[in-house]
Protein backbone atom coordinates (compact mmCIF):
# COMPACT_ATOMS: atom_id res chain seq x y z
CA MET A 1 196.08 -16.93 -23.55
CA SER A 2 197.14 -19.44 -26.14
CA ASP A 3 194.01 -19.70 -28.30
CA PRO A 4 192.72 -17.15 -30.76
CA ARG A 5 189.97 -14.82 -29.57
CA ASP A 6 187.55 -12.55 -31.35
CA PHE A 7 188.20 -9.13 -29.70
CA GLU A 8 184.72 -7.71 -30.47
CA LYS A 9 183.01 -10.69 -29.06
CA GLU A 10 185.12 -10.68 -25.88
CA LYS A 11 184.67 -6.77 -25.53
CA ALA A 12 180.77 -7.14 -25.85
CA ARG A 13 180.94 -10.00 -23.14
CA LEU A 14 182.92 -7.77 -20.79
CA VAL A 15 180.59 -4.65 -21.31
CA GLU A 16 177.62 -6.90 -20.51
CA ILE A 17 179.26 -8.28 -17.41
CA VAL A 18 180.20 -4.76 -16.31
CA ASN A 19 176.78 -3.55 -16.82
CA ARG A 20 175.15 -6.37 -14.84
CA PHE A 21 177.54 -5.69 -11.96
CA GLY A 22 176.71 -2.09 -11.89
CA GLU A 23 172.92 -2.55 -12.34
CA ALA A 24 172.77 -5.14 -9.47
CA GLY A 25 174.19 -2.22 -7.18
CA ALA A 26 176.38 -2.38 -4.28
CA THR A 27 173.94 -4.07 -1.83
CA SER A 28 174.12 -7.25 -4.17
CA ALA A 29 177.79 -7.73 -3.35
CA ASP A 30 177.61 -6.73 0.45
CA GLY A 31 179.13 -9.36 2.75
CA ARG A 32 180.51 -11.56 -0.17
CA THR A 33 183.95 -13.04 0.67
CA HIS A 34 187.04 -12.48 -1.51
CA SER A 35 189.62 -15.13 -1.38
CA PHE A 36 192.44 -12.81 -0.41
CA PHE A 37 190.84 -9.74 1.11
CA GLY A 38 188.21 -11.47 3.00
CA ARG A 39 184.50 -10.27 3.49
CA LEU A 40 183.91 -6.91 1.77
CA LYS A 41 181.13 -4.27 1.67
CA GLY A 42 179.44 -3.68 -1.66
CA GLU A 43 181.28 -0.39 -2.03
CA GLU A 44 184.67 -2.04 -1.43
CA TRP A 45 183.91 -4.59 -4.16
CA GLY A 46 183.01 -1.78 -6.61
CA VAL A 47 186.45 -0.14 -5.91
CA LEU A 48 188.18 -3.43 -6.20
CA MET A 49 186.58 -4.36 -9.51
CA HIS A 50 187.23 -0.76 -10.93
CA LYS A 51 190.97 -1.00 -9.92
CA HIS A 52 191.15 -4.51 -11.40
CA LEU A 53 189.60 -3.83 -14.64
CA ASP A 54 191.46 -0.37 -15.08
CA HIS A 55 194.65 -2.35 -14.42
CA HIS A 56 193.95 -4.82 -17.31
CA LEU A 57 192.60 -2.40 -19.63
CA ARG A 58 195.80 -0.23 -19.37
CA GLN A 59 197.83 -3.27 -20.12
CA PHE A 60 196.17 -3.36 -23.49
CA GLY A 61 196.40 0.47 -24.07
CA VAL A 62 192.53 0.82 -23.84
């Protein structure tokens, strides 16, 4: 990123997105296609998103 960001605002935005993803449940993601992994089950999307988010949070020591 090259432009300044408000950390608290971005954090709140991320929390809202994660909550929406979780509230929608696994079945809402069933059958959606990932650009690299192809068609995934809802549970697979959950694992993928968990690992991806965990990776980025660890980058910033969160």
